[in-house]
């Protein structure tokens, strides 16, 4: 299982934008990923969170749930985003979180079987963005996983 610190270190090394945004991993489990980011490095000219930062945290949380589940299954894969949608419900005026989860949990077994059989598969993942216990945004995306070739 990947712990919070392991995932945070991985994100900061592999996706430098996450370090610049000061993303921290609050929870890392196969059920959900919760990431957090402060306002200051993500601020816009209106003194709220920049939309690109909100979208990035949503993508990272959704991507991370797929990544962590594949690590726990022992299948070394590359995961990339194929398409996404981001809805901004309210301005984000402080530190914020994104909770990533698999959109339709029953789809995971078929995704995994397809990945093992064909070497690639697609799955939907989502995240909910919160600020001070209020939902401020919603992200949904399709991710593609590719089995890494054995060296």
Protein backbone atom coordinates (compact mmCIF):
# COMPACT_ATOMS: atom_id res chain seq x y z
CA UNK A 1 0.00 0.00 0.00
CA UNK A 2 1.18 3.50 -0.74
CA UNK A 3 1.18 5.79 2.28
CA UNK A 4 0.46 9.49 2.33
CA UNK A 5 4.13 10.53 2.45
CA UNK A 6 5.09 8.14 -0.36
CA UNK A 7 2.36 9.47 -2.62
CA UNK A 8 3.20 13.09 -1.78
CA UNK A 9 6.89 12.53 -2.55
CA UNK A 10 5.98 10.80 -5.81
CA UNK A 11 3.67 13.63 -6.88
CA UNK A 12 6.23 16.32 -6.06
CA UNK A 13 9.00 14.51 -7.96
CA UNK A 14 7.01 13.38 -10.98
CA UNK A 15 4.63 16.35 -11.28
CA UNK A 16 6.63 19.43 -10.16
CA UNK A 17 3.54 21.64 -10.38
CA UNK A 18 2.18 19.78 -7.33
CA UNK A 19 5.22 20.93 -5.31
CA UNK A 20 4.84 24.52 -6.53
CA UNK A 21 1.17 24.41 -5.48
CA UNK A 22 2.24 23.00 -2.06
CA UNK A 23 -0.06 20.00 -2.49
CA UNK A 24 -0.13 17.70 0.51
CA UNK A 25 -1.63 14.24 0.77
CA UNK A 26 -4.15 13.99 3.61
CA UNK A 27 -5.47 10.47 2.87
CA UNK A 28 -4.20 7.78 0.52
CA UNK A 29 -6.25 4.60 0.40
CA UNK A 30 -7.81 2.42 -2.27
CA UNK A 31 -11.20 3.96 -1.41
CA UNK A 32 -10.28 7.62 -1.70
CA UNK A 33 -7.46 10.08 -2.02
CA UNK A 34 -7.67 13.45 -0.28
CA UNK A 35 -5.25 16.16 -1.35
CA UNK A 36 -4.95 19.64 0.13
CA UNK A 37 -3.47 22.93 -1.08
CA UNK A 38 -3.19 26.37 0.52
CA UNK A 39 -4.52 29.56 -1.02
CA UNK A 40 -1.25 31.54 -1.17
CA UNK A 41 0.67 29.76 -3.97
CA UNK A 42 -2.59 29.26 -5.89
CA UNK A 43 -4.03 32.76 -5.64
CA UNK A 44 -5.38 34.80 -8.55
CA UNK A 45 -5.96 38.52 -9.06
CA UNK A 46 -9.31 38.29 -7.20
CA UNK A 47 -7.62 36.84 -4.09
CA UNK A 48 -9.31 33.48 -4.64
CA UNK A 49 -7.88 30.22 -5.96
CA UNK A 50 -6.85 30.34 -9.62
CA UNK A 51 -9.13 28.07 -11.70
CA UNK A 52 -6.14 26.21 -13.10
CA UNK A 53 -4.99 25.33 -9.59
CA UNK A 54 -8.45 24.07 -8.65
CA UNK A 55 -8.58 21.97 -11.79
CA UNK A 56 -5.08 20.64 -11.19
CA UNK A 57 -5.89 19.53 -7.64
CA UNK A 58 -9.02 17.78 -8.95
CA UNK A 59 -7.02 16.01 -11.66
CA UNK A 60 -4.29 15.00 -9.22
CA UNK A 61 -6.78 13.51 -6.75
CA UNK A 62 -8.61 11.52 -9.44
CA UNK A 63 -5.35 10.41 -11.11
CA UNK A 64 -3.94 9.37 -7.73
CA UNK A 65 -6.83 7.02 -6.90
CA UNK A 66 -6.17 5.09 -10.13
CA UNK A 67 -2.41 5.13 -9.50
CA UNK A 68 -2.70 3.91 -5.90
CA UNK A 69 -5.17 1.14 -6.75
CA UNK A 70 -2.86 -0.16 -9.48
CA UNK A 71 0.14 -0.08 -7.14
CA UNK A 72 -1.82 -2.01 -4.51
CA UNK A 73 -2.77 -4.58 -7.17
CA UNK A 74 0.91 -5.00 -8.03
CA UNK A 75 0.47 -4.02 -11.66
CA UNK A 76 3.13 -1.50 -12.80
CA UNK A 77 1.37 0.97 -15.08
CA UNK A 78 1.56 4.42 -16.54
CA UNK A 79 -1.64 6.43 -16.06
CA UNK A 80 -2.55 9.42 -18.22
CA UNK A 81 -5.63 11.60 -18.51
CA UNK A 82 -7.63 11.28 -21.71
CA UNK A 83 -10.48 13.75 -21.16
CA UNK A 84 -12.04 15.75 -18.36
CA UNK A 85 -14.68 18.17 -17.18
CA UNK A 86 -14.37 20.67 -14.33
CA UNK A 87 -17.30 22.50 -12.77
CA UNK A 88 -16.60 25.49 -10.55
CA UNK A 89 -19.46 25.97 -8.10
CA UNK A 90 -18.11 28.81 -5.93
CA UNK A 91 -15.01 30.98 -5.54
CA UNK A 92 -12.40 29.27 -3.35
CA UNK A 93 -11.29 31.76 -0.71
CA UNK A 94 -8.88 29.67 1.36
CA UNK A 95 -7.12 26.33 1.64
CA UNK A 96 -8.96 23.66 -0.28
CA UNK A 97 -9.11 19.90 -0.70
CA UNK A 98 -9.94 17.45 -3.46
CA UNK A 99 -11.29 13.99 -2.68
CA UNK A 100 -10.60 11.57 -5.53
CA UNK A 101 -12.59 8.37 -6.04
CA UNK A 102 -13.57 5.88 -8.74
CA UNK A 103 -16.76 7.15 -10.38
CA UNK A 104 -18.39 3.72 -10.62
CA UNK A 105 -16.67 1.26 -8.25
CA UNK A 106 -18.18 -1.84 -9.93
CA UNK A 107 -16.31 -0.84 -13.13
CA UNK A 108 -12.92 -1.50 -11.49
CA UNK A 109 -12.84 -5.31 -11.95
CA UNK A 110 -13.60 -5.04 -15.68
CA UNK A 111 -11.03 -2.23 -16.05
CA UNK A 112 -8.42 -4.38 -14.32
CA UNK A 113 -9.21 -7.51 -16.40
CA UNK A 114 -9.01 -5.48 -19.61
CA UNK A 115 -5.71 -3.99 -18.50
CA UNK A 116 -4.24 -7.43 -17.79
CA UNK A 117 -5.56 -8.87 -21.07
CA UNK A 118 -4.91 -6.00 -23.51
CA UNK A 119 -2.19 -4.04 -21.73
CA UNK A 120 -4.30 -0.88 -21.57
CA UNK A 121 -7.71 0.17 -20.28
CA UNK A 122 -9.81 3.24 -19.50
CA UNK A 123 -11.66 4.19 -16.32
CA UNK A 124 -13.62 7.16 -15.02
CA UNK A 125 -12.49 8.86 -11.82
CA UNK A 126 -13.89 11.92 -10.08
CA UNK A 127 -13.03 14.39 -7.38
CA UNK A 128 -14.94 16.82 -5.22
CA UNK A 129 -13.31 20.07 -4.20
CA UNK A 130 -14.12 21.49 -0.77
CA UNK A 131 -13.28 24.69 1.09
CA UNK A 132 -14.37 25.07 4.71
CA UNK A 133 -16.77 22.09 4.45
CA UNK A 134 -18.52 23.56 1.38
CA UNK A 135 -18.35 21.94 -2.06
CA UNK A 136 -16.72 24.43 -4.40
CA UNK A 137 -16.09 22.30 -7.47
CA UNK A 138 -16.42 18.94 -9.16
CA UNK A 139 -14.04 17.18 -11.53
CA UNK A 140 -14.66 14.11 -13.69
CA UNK A 141 -12.17 12.53 -16.02
CA UNK A 142 -11.32 9.49 -18.08
CA UNK A 143 -7.92 7.99 -17.43
CA UNK A 144 -6.00 5.47 -19.50
CA UNK A 145 -3.61 3.00 -17.91
CA UNK A 146 -0.85 1.25 -19.86
CA UNK A 147 1.02 -1.76 -18.46
CA UNK A 148 4.73 -0.96 -18.32
CA UNK A 149 6.85 -3.30 -20.43
CA UNK A 150 8.96 -5.67 -18.33
CA UNK A 151 12.64 -4.79 -18.39
